[in-house]
Amino acid sequence: MSATAEVRIEDLALPNPVFLAPMAGFTDKPFRMLAHECGCGFTYTEMVSSEAILYGNQKTASLFDLSGEEYPVGVQIFGSDPERMARAARVVVERGAALVDINMGCPTPKIVKNGEGSALMRDLPRAAAIIRAVSEAVPVPVTVKMRKGWAAGEMTAVELAVLAEENGAAAVAVHGRTRDQFYSGKADRGIIRLVKKAVRIPVIANGDVFTPQDAGSMMEETGCDAVMIGRGALGNPWIFRRTVHYLRTGELLPEPTAAERLRMARRHFDLAVRLKGSGVAVLQMRKQLACYLKGLPGAAKKRDRINGCKTAEEVQSLLDEYLWEFSSP
């Protein structure tokens, strides 16, 4: 088994085909930095509203603050107006985005009701107009993340991928579920294979990649150019190094021990405190820390104790306590 050493999206050269999926509430700067440190080939921000970007919202600006990240990062934007999406794309490129990804897959009701996210899979003319406007507006690659389709009877991924290529997209990412599935059921690799056959641009496969073996079989079954890991990376940044190694050698590196997971959780929390401040970190890191604790003995009680913490010092003390528990002979 082998993996291409480099993936190219137009002029953007990426070191390996194992990417971090954009995930709202998770793929912030601290997580991106750790993923990159652990061998991730490419990272994306959380999805950012084109309208909030244009309003100059400070909280929104923090979502695509790429300062201190000395490697290419993609910024994912969402919206439904072609001209305003183009303007928003210019803003994020001015702030350092190496690539602009257009979200056409988010299934969340509050996004869909505005004609954004996966709703665009039901409005292909508007989707094409958005892709064309954004592609013409910025000098960096533009990509599109989509789902299999809206529902079982509306599987438009192949048609949308072809339109994306025709309107300037440099690559597409396909999650093998319909909008109405959300994250239930099994991701369909067949639709990704069909998209790969229909376009000449790179295809990034997404959905149910939780282990290095999942990534290997995904690439073999679909012919995709890269894999995008989402939920499988939560509390598990090692998955990138382990997956790259597996794709290149066929060898499985050992999974992290409980102590290694807790040391990384502490590092992740400390990084969030440094970059965001202790008050923000204590609140925002609760769900991240729950992912590191998942599966450990007493995880539910440990999570509840952390969720009850009011200060960074309390969280750090508990993480040190848990680390001692799993490090002691």
Protein backbone atom coordinates (compact mmCIF):
# COMPACT_ATOMS: atom_id res chain seq x y z
CA MET A 1 0.00 0.00 0.00
CA SER A 2 1.25 3.49 -0.77
CA ALA A 3 0.00 7.06 -0.78
CA THR A 4 1.06 9.87 -3.04
CA ALA A 5 3.62 11.97 -1.20
CA GLU A 6 2.03 15.17 -2.39
CA VAL A 7 -1.46 16.31 -3.37
CA ARG A 8 -1.90 19.32 -5.66
CA ILE A 9 -4.98 21.53 -5.77
CA GLU A 10 -4.04 23.87 -8.61
CA ASP A 11 -0.78 25.49 -7.42
CA LEU A 12 -1.29 24.49 -3.79
CA ALA A 13 1.06 21.62 -2.97
CA LEU A 14 0.06 19.61 0.11
CA PRO A 15 2.37 17.07 1.77
CA ASN A 16 -0.06 14.14 2.03
CA PRO A 17 -3.66 13.19 1.22
CA VAL A 18 -5.03 13.11 4.79
CA PHE A 19 -7.01 16.28 5.60
CA LEU A 20 -8.91 17.63 8.60
CA ALA A 21 -12.58 18.30 7.81
CA PRO A 22 -14.02 21.70 8.72
CA MET A 23 -16.23 21.21 11.80
CA ALA A 24 -18.22 23.95 13.52
CA GLY A 25 -17.19 24.32 17.14
CA PHE A 26 -14.10 22.14 16.76
CA THR A 27 -11.61 23.12 14.06
CA ASP A 28 -10.40 26.29 15.74
CA LYS A 29 -6.79 27.48 15.78
CA PRO A 30 -5.60 25.29 18.71
CA PHE A 31 -7.04 22.15 17.13
CA ARG A 32 -5.65 23.00 13.68
CA MET A 33 -2.20 23.55 15.15
CA LEU A 34 -2.21 20.19 16.92
CA ALA A 35 -3.56 18.41 13.84
CA HIS A 36 -0.79 19.90 11.72
CA GLU A 37 1.80 18.93 14.33
CA CYS A 38 0.42 15.38 14.17
CA GLY A 39 0.96 15.12 10.41
CA CYS A 40 -2.29 16.42 8.90
CA GLY A 41 -1.86 17.26 5.22
CA PHE A 42 -4.28 20.20 5.20
CA THR A 43 -6.57 21.93 7.69
CA TYR A 44 -9.68 24.06 7.36
CA THR A 45 -11.36 26.58 9.62
CA GLU A 46 -14.85 26.17 10.94
CA MET A 47 -17.44 27.34 8.43
CA VAL A 48 -17.85 31.12 8.44
CA SER A 49 -20.92 33.10 7.38
CA SER A 50 -20.34 35.36 4.39
CA GLU A 51 -22.78 37.86 5.88
CA ALA A 52 -20.94 37.97 9.22
CA ILE A 53 -17.64 38.42 7.39
CA LEU A 54 -19.01 41.42 5.48
CA TYR A 55 -20.52 42.94 8.62
CA GLY A 56 -17.03 42.89 10.16
CA ASN A 57 -18.17 40.90 13.20
CA GLN A 58 -15.19 40.50 15.57
CA LYS A 59 -16.26 37.08 16.85
CA THR A 60 -16.55 35.92 13.27
CA ALA A 61 -13.13 37.36 12.40
CA SER A 62 -11.58 35.21 15.13
CA LEU A 63 -12.85 32.10 13.30
CA PHE A 64 -10.57 32.81 10.35
CA ASP A 65 -7.66 34.34 12.24
CA LEU A 66 -4.74 32.42 10.78
CA SER A 67 -1.92 34.33 12.50
CA GLY A 68 0.79 32.06 13.84
CA GLU A 69 -0.10 29.17 11.52
CA GLU A 70 2.95 28.92 9.29
CA TYR A 71 1.41 26.57 6.74
CA PRO A 72 -1.50 26.71 4.31
CA VAL A 73 -4.98 26.73 5.83
CA GLY A 74 -8.31 26.71 3.98
CA VAL A 75 -11.20 28.92 5.08
CA GLN A 76 -14.69 27.53 4.57
CA ILE A 77 -17.45 30.08 3.90
CA PHE A 78 -21.20 29.69 3.48
CA GLY A 79 -23.96 31.85 2.07
CA SER A 80 -26.51 32.03 -0.72
CA ASP A 81 -25.75 35.28 -2.56
CA PRO A 82 -23.07 34.95 -5.28
CA GLU A 83 -21.85 38.55 -5.16
CA ARG A 84 -21.65 38.67 -1.37
CA MET A 85 -19.94 35.28 -1.25
CA ALA A 86 -17.35 36.64 -3.69
CA ARG A 87 -16.76 39.70 -1.50
CA ALA A 88 -16.43 37.52 1.60
CA ALA A 89 -13.95 35.29 -0.22
CA ARG A 90 -11.77 38.31 -0.98
CA VAL A 91 -11.75 39.21 2.71
CA VAL A 92 -10.59 35.79 3.91
CA VAL A 93 -7.91 35.62 1.21
CA GLU A 94 -6.64 39.03 2.34
CA ARG A 95 -6.38 37.52 5.84
CA GLY A 96 -4.23 34.63 4.61
CA ALA A 97 -6.53 31.87 3.35
CA ALA A 98 -4.59 29.59 1.01
CA LEU A 99 -7.84 28.15 -0.31
CA VAL A 100 -11.52 29.07 -0.13
CA ASP A 101 -13.94 26.21 0.43
CA ILE A 102 -17.66 26.74 -0.23
CA ASN A 103 -19.98 24.86 2.10
CA MET A 104 -22.80 23.18 0.19
CA GLY A 105 -23.24 20.29 2.60
CA CYS A 106 -24.18 21.58 6.07
CA PRO A 107 -27.48 19.93 7.07
CA THR A 108 -28.30 22.18 10.05
CA PRO A 109 -31.88 23.54 9.85
CA LYS A 110 -30.92 27.15 10.63
CA ILE A 111 -28.46 27.08 7.71
CA VAL A 112 -30.72 25.25 5.29
CA LYS A 113 -33.75 27.49 5.91
CA ASN A 114 -31.74 30.42 4.50
CA GLY A 115 -30.98 28.55 1.28
CA GLU A 116 -27.40 27.88 2.40
CA GLY A 117 -25.37 24.74 3.02
CA SER A 118 -26.96 21.58 1.63
CA ALA A 119 -30.02 23.55 0.45
CA LEU A 120 -27.84 24.56 -2.50
CA MET A 121 -27.88 20.95 -3.68
CA ARG A 122 -31.55 21.61 -4.53
CA ASP A 123 -30.75 24.86 -6.37
CA LEU A 124 -28.01 23.96 -8.81
CA PRO A 125 -28.20 27.18 -10.90
CA ARG A 126 -27.58 29.27 -7.75
CA ALA A 127 -24.86 26.88 -6.63
CA ALA A 128 -23.12 27.23 -9.99
CA ALA A 129 -23.41 31.03 -9.85
CA ILE A 130 -21.83 31.11 -6.38
CA ILE A 131 -18.93 28.90 -7.45
CA ARG A 132 -18.31 31.00 -10.56
CA ALA A 133 -18.46 34.30 -8.64
CA VAL A 134 -16.08 33.14 -5.92
CA SER A 135 -13.67 31.53 -8.40
CA GLU A 136 -13.48 34.74 -10.41
CA ALA A 137 -13.00 36.86 -7.30
CA VAL A 138 -9.91 35.31 -5.71
CA PRO A 139 -6.43 34.22 -6.87
CA VAL A 140 -6.37 31.05 -4.72
CA PRO A 141 -8.00 27.67 -5.37
CA VAL A 142 -11.73 27.45 -4.70
CA THR A 143 -13.22 24.13 -3.64
CA VAL A 144 -16.72 22.90 -2.84
CA LYS A 145 -17.81 20.58 -0.02
CA MET A 146 -21.07 18.78 -0.68
CA ARG A 147 -23.12 15.80 0.37
CA LYS A 148 -24.50 12.90 -1.64
CA GLY A 149 -27.66 14.95 -2.14
CA TRP A 150 -30.69 16.27 -0.31
CA ALA A 151 -32.52 12.96 0.15
CA ALA A 152 -32.66 9.46 -1.29
CA GLY A 153 -34.60 10.65 -4.35
CA GLU A 154 -32.48 13.77 -4.84
CA MET A 155 -28.87 12.61 -5.17
CA THR A 156 -27.27 15.51 -7.04
CA ALA A 157 -23.61 15.16 -6.05
CA VAL A 158 -22.42 14.10 -9.50
CA GLU A 159 -24.30 16.88 -11.25
CA LEU A 160 -23.10 19.48 -8.74
CA ALA A 161 -19.49 18.28 -9.00
CA VAL A 162 -19.57 18.62 -12.78
CA LEU A 163 -21.04 22.13 -12.47
CA ALA A 164 -18.40 22.99 -9.89
CA GLU A 165 -15.62 22.01 -12.26
CA GLU A 166 -17.21 23.89 -15.15
CA ASN A 167 -17.50 27.03 -13.03
CA GLY A 168 -13.93 27.14 -11.78
CA ALA A 169 -13.71 24.87 -8.75
CA ALA A 170 -10.26 23.35 -8.23
CA ALA A 171 -11.49 20.33 -6.22
CA VAL A 172 -14.60 18.92 -4.58
CA ALA A 173 -15.12 17.14 -1.28
CA VAL A 174 -18.00 14.68 -1.03
CA HIS A 175 -19.60 13.39 2.17
CA GLY A 176 -21.38 10.17 1.31
CA ARG A 177 -24.63 10.95 3.13
CA THR A 178 -27.75 12.85 2.11
CA ARG A 179 -28.87 15.93 4.01
CA ASP A 180 -31.77 14.11 5.67
CA GLN A 181 -29.38 11.47 7.05
CA PHE A 182 -27.38 14.07 8.98
CA TYR A 183 -24.75 11.72 10.50
CA SER A 184 -26.85 8.56 10.79
CA GLY A 185 -26.59 5.44 8.70
CA LYS A 186 -23.55 4.58 6.64
CA ALA A 187 -21.69 6.90 4.27
CA ASP A 188 -22.08 5.81 0.64
CA ARG A 189 -18.72 5.33 -1.05
CA GLY A 190 -20.37 4.54 -4.36
CA ILE A 191 -21.44 8.14 -4.90
CA ILE A 192 -17.86 9.32 -4.29
CA ARG A 193 -16.63 6.83 -6.88
CA LEU A 194 -19.18 8.17 -9.39
CA VAL A 195 -18.09 11.76 -8.73
CA LYS A 196 -14.45 10.76 -9.24
CA LYS A 197 -15.33 9.24 -12.62
CA ALA A 198 -17.30 12.34 -13.67
CA VAL A 199 -14.68 15.06 -13.07
CA ARG A 200 -11.01 15.70 -13.76
CA ILE A 201 -10.34 17.84 -10.67
CA PRO A 202 -9.25 16.22 -7.38
CA VAL A 203 -11.96 14.55 -5.29
CA ILE A 204 -11.71 14.45 -1.51
CA ALA A 205 -13.69 11.70 0.21
CA ASN A 206 -15.46 12.30 3.53
CA GLY A 207 -17.59 10.19 5.84
CA ASP A 208 -16.97 7.39 8.34
CA VAL A 209 -13.18 7.60 8.35
CA PHE A 210 -12.37 6.67 11.94
CA THR A 211 -9.23 4.53 11.49
CA PRO A 212 -6.24 4.34 9.17
CA GLN A 213 -7.80 1.22 7.63
CA ASP A 214 -10.99 3.19 6.88
CA ALA A 215 -8.90 5.73 4.98
CA GLY A 216 -7.09 3.03 3.04
CA SER A 217 -10.27 1.25 1.98
CA MET A 218 -11.92 4.59 1.14
CA MET A 219 -9.10 5.46 -1.25
CA GLU A 220 -9.09 2.00 -2.80
CA GLU A 221 -12.86 1.78 -3.28
CA THR A 222 -13.46 5.31 -4.56
CA GLY A 223 -10.24 6.24 -6.36
CA CYS A 224 -10.33 9.56 -4.47
CA ASP A 225 -7.31 11.84 -4.34
CA ALA A 226 -7.49 12.53 -0.60
CA VAL A 227 -9.50 11.67 2.49
CA MET A 228 -11.02 14.16 4.89
CA ILE A 229 -11.29 13.09 8.53
CA GLY A 230 -13.93 14.74 10.70
CA ARG A 231 -15.37 13.12 13.83
CA GLY A 232 -12.60 10.50 13.80
CA ALA A 233 -10.07 13.21 14.65
CA LEU A 234 -11.88 14.54 17.73
CA GLY A 235 -9.79 13.80 20.81
CA ASN A 236 -7.53 11.89 18.45
CA PRO A 237 -5.11 14.11 16.50
CA TRP A 238 -2.74 11.14 16.21
CA ILE A 239 -5.04 9.71 13.55
CA PHE A 240 -3.31 11.86 10.93
CA ARG A 241 0.19 10.54 11.55
CA ARG A 242 -1.09 6.99 11.94
CA THR A 243 -3.12 7.22 8.72
CA VAL A 244 -0.33 8.73 6.64
CA HIS A 245 2.04 6.04 7.89
CA TYR A 246 -0.47 3.29 7.12
CA LEU A 247 -1.17 4.57 3.61
CA ARG A 248 2.54 4.71 2.84
CA THR A 249 3.67 1.46 4.45
CA GLY A 250 0.66 -0.72 5.27
CA GLU A 251 1.88 -0.76 8.89
CA LEU A 252 -0.34 0.25 11.80
CA LEU A 253 1.30 2.40 14.44
CA PRO A 254 0.02 1.79 17.99
CA GLU A 255 -2.89 3.83 19.28
CA PRO A 256 -2.11 6.42 21.98
CA THR A 257 -2.21 5.23 25.57
CA ALA A 258 -4.57 6.75 28.12
CA ALA A 259 -1.68 8.75 29.56
CA GLU A 260 -0.74 10.06 26.10
CA ARG A 261 -4.35 11.10 25.49
CA LEU A 262 -4.47 13.00 28.76
CA ARG A 263 -1.13 14.71 28.13
CA MET A 264 -2.42 15.86 24.74
CA ALA A 265 -5.69 17.00 26.33
CA ARG A 266 -3.69 19.12 28.77
CA ARG A 267 -1.56 20.56 25.95
CA HIS A 268 -4.69 21.30 23.91
CA PHE A 269 -6.31 23.06 26.85
CA ASP A 270 -3.19 25.07 27.67
CA LEU A 271 -2.90 26.15 24.04
CA ALA A 272 -6.53 27.27 24.04
CA VAL A 273 -5.92 29.29 27.23
CA ARG A 274 -2.90 30.97 25.65
CA LEU A 275 -4.65 31.79 22.39
CA LYS A 276 -8.18 32.59 23.63
CA GLY A 277 -7.90 33.48 27.28
CA SER A 278 -8.85 31.34 30.26
CA GLY A 279 -12.53 32.29 30.42
CA VAL A 280 -13.23 31.40 26.79
CA ALA A 281 -11.07 28.27 26.94
CA VAL A 282 -12.86 26.85 30.00
CA LEU A 283 -16.20 27.02 28.18
CA GLN A 284 -15.16 26.14 24.63
CA MET A 285 -12.84 23.26 25.54
CA ARG A 286 -15.47 21.23 27.41
CA LYS A 287 -16.58 19.31 24.32
CA GLN A 288 -12.98 18.89 23.11
CA LEU A 289 -11.87 17.47 26.46
CA ALA A 290 -14.88 15.13 26.51
CA CYS A 291 -13.56 13.63 23.27
CA TYR A 292 -10.14 12.94 24.80
CA LEU A 293 -11.78 11.31 27.83
CA LYS A 294 -14.20 9.15 25.84
CA GLY A 295 -13.68 5.46 26.51
CA LEU A 296 -11.47 5.93 29.54
CA PRO A 297 -12.58 4.38 32.87
CA GLY A 298 -14.94 6.74 34.65
CA ALA A 299 -15.13 9.04 31.62
CA ALA A 300 -18.66 10.29 32.34
CA LYS A 301 -17.82 11.36 35.91
CA LYS A 302 -14.55 12.93 34.80
CA ARG A 303 -16.37 14.86 32.08
CA ASP A 304 -19.00 16.09 34.54
CA ARG A 305 -16.33 17.30 36.94
CA ILE A 306 -14.57 19.21 34.17
CA ASN A 307 -17.86 20.71 33.03
CA GLY A 308 -18.36 22.04 36.53
CA CYS A 309 -15.04 23.89 36.56
CA LYS A 310 -15.12 27.68 36.60
CA THR A 311 -11.41 28.46 36.15
CA ALA A 312 -8.55 27.26 33.99
CA GLU A 313 -6.63 26.25 37.11
CA GLU A 314 -9.43 23.92 38.15
CA VAL A 315 -9.46 22.23 34.73
CA GLN A 316 -5.67 21.89 34.71
CA SER A 317 -5.71 20.40 38.22
CA LEU A 318 -8.29 17.80 37.24
CA LEU A 319 -6.41 16.86 34.05
CA ASP A 320 -3.22 16.44 36.10
CA GLU A 321 -5.14 14.29 38.57
CA TYR A 322 -6.44 12.06 35.77
CA LEU A 323 -3.01 11.88 34.19
CA TRP A 324 -1.47 10.74 37.48
CA GLU A 325 -4.22 8.09 37.75
CA PHE A 326 -3.30 6.59 34.39
CA SER A 327 0.46 7.12 34.70
CA SER A 328 0.93 5.56 38.13
CA PRO A 329 2.07 1.90 38.29
